[in-house]
Amino acid sequence: LLRELAPVLGIRGAPAHWSVKQYPRAIPQYTRGHTELVQEIKKTCEQSQGLFLAGNYLEGPAVGACIDVARRAATAAQEYLQSRGA
């Protein structure tokens, strides 16, 4: 997976942490109320300084959607840290 994504994302080093969950029979299906739960999660992140989340549960399991979510989370974290002088 990393070998496939590295050129797309411009990754040049080993990740500090990563995990992969494989579902041998299907893409996991969201349960009833998932959209509302995600809205609450996003609201909590907005209200909690320094909390940034990324994952397929936010905007879908497609690789492109996951990359977009991860990039936005990384940018927001970077801006937050810079605003605090880190």
N, C-alpha and C. Protein backbone atom coordinates (compact mmCIF):
# COMPACT_ATOMS: atom_id res chain seq x y z
N LEU A 1 0.83 -1.20 0.00
CA LEU A 1 0.00 0.00 0.00
C LEU A 1 0.87 1.25 0.00
N LEU A 2 1.86 1.31 0.87
CA LEU A 2 2.73 2.48 0.92
C LEU A 2 3.48 2.66 -0.39
N ARG A 3 3.90 1.57 -1.00
CA ARG A 3 4.61 1.62 -2.27
C ARG A 3 3.73 2.25 -3.35
N GLU A 4 2.43 1.97 -3.30
CA GLU A 4 1.50 2.52 -4.29
C GLU A 4 1.19 4.00 -4.03
N LEU A 5 1.07 4.37 -2.76
CA LEU A 5 0.68 5.73 -2.43
C LEU A 5 1.86 6.70 -2.38
N ALA A 6 3.05 6.22 -2.12
CA ALA A 6 4.22 7.10 -1.97
C ALA A 6 4.41 8.04 -3.16
N PRO A 7 4.38 7.54 -4.41
CA PRO A 7 4.57 8.47 -5.53
C PRO A 7 3.42 9.47 -5.68
N VAL A 8 2.21 9.04 -5.37
CA VAL A 8 1.05 9.92 -5.49
C VAL A 8 1.11 11.04 -4.46
N LEU A 9 1.52 10.70 -3.25
CA LEU A 9 1.53 11.67 -2.15
C LEU A 9 2.88 12.35 -1.96
N GLY A 10 3.88 11.91 -2.71
CA GLY A 10 5.21 12.50 -2.56
C GLY A 10 5.91 12.08 -1.28
N ILE A 11 5.61 10.89 -0.79
CA ILE A 11 6.22 10.39 0.45
C ILE A 11 7.64 9.94 0.16
N ARG A 12 8.58 10.41 0.98
CA ARG A 12 9.98 10.05 0.78
C ARG A 12 10.57 9.28 1.95
N GLY A 13 9.87 9.16 3.03
CA GLY A 13 10.39 8.46 4.21
C GLY A 13 9.39 7.47 4.75
N ALA A 14 9.80 6.76 5.75
CA ALA A 14 8.92 5.78 6.40
C ALA A 14 7.92 6.51 7.29
N PRO A 15 6.69 6.03 7.38
CA PRO A 15 5.70 6.67 8.25
C PRO A 15 6.04 6.48 9.72
N ALA A 16 5.69 7.45 10.55
CA ALA A 16 5.90 7.33 11.99
C ALA A 16 4.95 6.29 12.57
N HIS A 17 3.74 6.22 12.03
CA HIS A 17 2.74 5.24 12.48
C HIS A 17 1.74 5.02 11.36
N TRP A 18 1.30 3.79 11.20
CA TRP A 18 0.22 3.51 10.27
C TRP A 18 -0.37 2.16 10.60
N SER A 19 -1.59 1.95 10.17
CA SER A 19 -2.25 0.67 10.36
C SER A 19 -3.17 0.41 9.18
N VAL A 20 -3.42 -0.84 8.93
CA VAL A 20 -4.28 -1.24 7.83
C VAL A 20 -5.27 -2.27 8.37
N LYS A 21 -6.53 -2.06 8.08
CA LYS A 21 -7.57 -3.03 8.43
C LYS A 21 -8.16 -3.55 7.14
N GLN A 22 -8.03 -4.83 6.91
CA GLN A 22 -8.55 -5.42 5.68
C GLN A 22 -9.87 -6.13 5.97
N TYR A 23 -10.80 -5.95 5.06
CA TYR A 23 -12.10 -6.61 5.13
C TYR A 23 -12.17 -7.57 3.95
N PRO A 24 -11.99 -8.85 4.19
CA PRO A 24 -11.87 -9.80 3.08
C PRO A 24 -13.14 -9.96 2.24
N ARG A 25 -14.30 -9.62 2.78
CA ARG A 25 -15.53 -9.87 2.03
C ARG A 25 -16.19 -8.64 1.46
N ALA A 26 -15.85 -7.45 1.96
CA ALA A 26 -16.54 -6.26 1.45
C ALA A 26 -15.99 -5.00 2.09
N ILE A 27 -16.40 -3.88 1.53
CA ILE A 27 -16.13 -2.60 2.17
C ILE A 27 -17.11 -2.50 3.34
N PRO A 28 -16.63 -2.12 4.53
CA PRO A 28 -17.54 -2.02 5.67
C PRO A 28 -18.66 -1.03 5.40
N GLN A 29 -19.84 -1.37 5.82
CA GLN A 29 -21.01 -0.52 5.60
C GLN A 29 -21.25 0.35 6.83
N TYR A 30 -21.60 1.60 6.58
CA TYR A 30 -21.92 2.50 7.67
C TYR A 30 -23.26 2.10 8.27
N THR A 31 -23.39 2.31 9.56
CA THR A 31 -24.65 1.99 10.24
C THR A 31 -25.59 3.18 10.19
N ARG A 32 -26.83 2.95 10.53
CA ARG A 32 -27.83 4.01 10.57
C ARG A 32 -27.36 5.09 11.54
N GLY A 33 -27.48 6.33 11.14
CA GLY A 33 -27.08 7.44 11.99
C GLY A 33 -25.63 7.86 11.80
N HIS A 34 -24.94 7.23 10.84
CA HIS A 34 -23.53 7.53 10.63
C HIS A 34 -23.30 8.99 10.26
N THR A 35 -24.13 9.52 9.38
CA THR A 35 -23.98 10.91 8.94
C THR A 35 -24.09 11.87 10.12
N GLU A 36 -25.05 11.64 10.98
CA GLU A 36 -25.23 12.49 12.15
C GLU A 36 -24.04 12.36 13.10
N LEU A 37 -23.53 11.14 13.26
CA LEU A 37 -22.37 10.91 14.11
C LEU A 37 -21.15 11.66 13.58
N VAL A 38 -20.93 11.61 12.27
CA VAL A 38 -19.80 12.32 11.67
C VAL A 38 -19.94 13.82 11.88
N GLN A 39 -21.15 14.35 11.76
CA GLN A 39 -21.38 15.78 12.00
C GLN A 39 -21.00 16.15 13.43
N GLU A 40 -21.36 15.29 14.38
CA GLU A 40 -21.02 15.54 15.79
C GLU A 40 -19.50 15.46 16.01
N ILE A 41 -18.86 14.50 15.35
CA ILE A 41 -17.40 14.36 15.46
C ILE A 41 -16.72 15.61 14.93
N LYS A 42 -17.15 16.08 13.77
CA LYS A 42 -16.56 17.28 13.18
C LYS A 42 -16.78 18.50 14.07
N LYS A 43 -17.96 18.62 14.64
CA LYS A 43 -18.27 19.73 15.54
C LYS A 43 -17.36 19.68 16.77
N THR A 44 -17.16 18.49 17.31
CA THR A 44 -16.29 18.33 18.47
C THR A 44 -14.85 18.73 18.13
N CYS A 45 -14.39 18.35 16.95
CA CYS A 45 -13.03 18.72 16.53
C CYS A 45 -12.90 20.23 16.40
N GLU A 46 -13.91 20.88 15.87
CA GLU A 46 -13.88 22.34 15.71
C GLU A 46 -13.82 23.03 17.07
N GLN A 47 -14.46 22.45 18.07
CA GLN A 47 -14.52 23.05 19.40
C GLN A 47 -13.33 22.65 20.27
N SER A 48 -12.55 21.68 19.85
CA SER A 48 -11.43 21.17 20.64
C SER A 48 -10.12 21.58 20.00
N GLN A 49 -9.42 22.49 20.62
CA GLN A 49 -8.16 22.96 20.07
C GLN A 49 -7.15 21.81 20.00
N GLY A 50 -6.55 21.66 18.82
CA GLY A 50 -5.49 20.67 18.65
C GLY A 50 -5.96 19.27 18.36
N LEU A 51 -7.25 19.05 18.12
CA LEU A 51 -7.77 17.72 17.80
C LEU A 51 -8.09 17.66 16.31
N PHE A 52 -7.40 16.78 15.59
CA PHE A 52 -7.58 16.65 14.15
C PHE A 52 -7.72 15.17 13.83
N LEU A 53 -8.73 14.81 13.07
CA LEU A 53 -8.98 13.42 12.73
C LEU A 53 -9.01 13.23 11.22
N ALA A 54 -8.66 12.04 10.79
CA ALA A 54 -8.76 11.68 9.38
C ALA A 54 -9.09 10.20 9.31
N GLY A 55 -9.83 9.82 8.30
CA GLY A 55 -10.16 8.41 8.13
C GLY A 55 -11.29 8.23 7.13
N ASN A 56 -11.48 7.01 6.71
CA ASN A 56 -12.49 6.74 5.70
C ASN A 56 -13.92 6.91 6.22
N TYR A 57 -14.09 6.96 7.51
CA TYR A 57 -15.43 7.11 8.07
C TYR A 57 -15.94 8.54 7.92
N LEU A 58 -15.07 9.48 7.56
CA LEU A 58 -15.49 10.88 7.46
C LEU A 58 -16.15 11.22 6.13
N GLU A 59 -15.56 10.78 5.01
CA GLU A 59 -16.10 11.15 3.70
C GLU A 59 -16.13 10.00 2.71
N GLY A 60 -15.94 8.79 3.18
CA GLY A 60 -16.03 7.63 2.31
C GLY A 60 -14.73 6.86 2.20
N PRO A 61 -14.82 5.61 1.77
CA PRO A 61 -13.66 4.72 1.73
C PRO A 61 -12.78 4.85 0.49
N ALA A 62 -13.17 5.64 -0.49
CA ALA A 62 -12.36 5.78 -1.70
C ALA A 62 -11.00 6.39 -1.34
N VAL A 63 -9.96 5.89 -1.96
CA VAL A 63 -8.61 6.36 -1.66
C VAL A 63 -8.50 7.87 -1.85
N GLY A 64 -9.08 8.39 -2.92
CA GLY A 64 -9.04 9.83 -3.17
C GLY A 64 -9.68 10.63 -2.05
N ALA A 65 -10.82 10.17 -1.56
CA ALA A 65 -11.51 10.85 -0.46
C ALA A 65 -10.66 10.80 0.81
N CYS A 66 -10.04 9.66 1.07
CA CYS A 66 -9.19 9.53 2.25
C CYS A 66 -7.98 10.45 2.16
N ILE A 67 -7.40 10.56 0.98
CA ILE A 67 -6.26 11.45 0.78
C ILE A 67 -6.67 12.90 1.02
N ASP A 68 -7.82 13.30 0.49
CA ASP A 68 -8.31 14.67 0.69
C ASP A 68 -8.51 14.97 2.17
N VAL A 69 -9.14 14.05 2.89
CA VAL A 69 -9.38 14.23 4.33
C VAL A 69 -8.06 14.33 5.08
N ALA A 70 -7.12 13.45 4.73
CA ALA A 70 -5.82 13.45 5.41
C ALA A 70 -5.05 14.74 5.15
N ARG A 71 -5.09 15.21 3.93
CA ARG A 71 -4.40 16.47 3.60
C ARG A 71 -5.00 17.65 4.35
N ARG A 72 -6.32 17.70 4.41
CA ARG A 72 -6.97 18.79 5.15
C ARG A 72 -6.62 18.73 6.64
N ALA A 73 -6.62 17.53 7.20
CA ALA A 73 -6.27 17.37 8.62
C ALA A 73 -4.82 17.77 8.87
N ALA A 74 -3.92 17.37 7.97
CA ALA A 74 -2.51 17.72 8.12
C ALA A 74 -2.30 19.23 8.01
N THR A 75 -2.98 19.85 7.07
CA THR A 75 -2.87 21.31 6.90
C THR A 75 -3.40 22.03 8.13
N ALA A 76 -4.55 21.58 8.62
CA ALA A 76 -5.13 22.21 9.81
C ALA A 76 -4.22 22.03 11.02
N ALA A 77 -3.62 20.86 11.18
CA ALA A 77 -2.70 20.62 12.29
C ALA A 77 -1.46 21.50 12.17
N GLN A 78 -0.94 21.62 10.97
CA GLN A 78 0.24 22.45 10.74
C GLN A 78 -0.07 23.91 11.06
N GLU A 79 -1.20 24.41 10.59
CA GLU A 79 -1.58 25.79 10.86
C GLU A 79 -1.78 26.02 12.36
N TYR A 80 -2.37 25.05 13.02
CA TYR A 80 -2.59 25.15 14.46
C TYR A 80 -1.25 25.24 15.19
N LEU A 81 -0.33 24.35 14.85
CA LEU A 81 0.97 24.34 15.50
C LEU A 81 1.75 25.62 15.22
N GLN A 82 1.68 26.12 14.00
CA GLN A 82 2.37 27.36 13.65
C GLN A 82 1.78 28.53 14.42
N SER A 83 0.47 28.54 14.61
CA SER A 83 -0.17 29.64 15.34
C SER A 83 0.22 29.64 16.81
N ARG A 84 0.69 28.50 17.30
CA ARG A 84 1.10 28.38 18.70
C ARG A 84 2.62 28.46 18.85
N GLY A 85 3.30 28.80 17.75
CA GLY A 85 4.74 28.96 17.82
C GLY A 85 5.53 27.66 17.84
N ALA A 86 4.90 26.60 17.48
CA ALA A 86 5.59 25.29 17.49
C ALA A 86 6.29 25.04 16.17
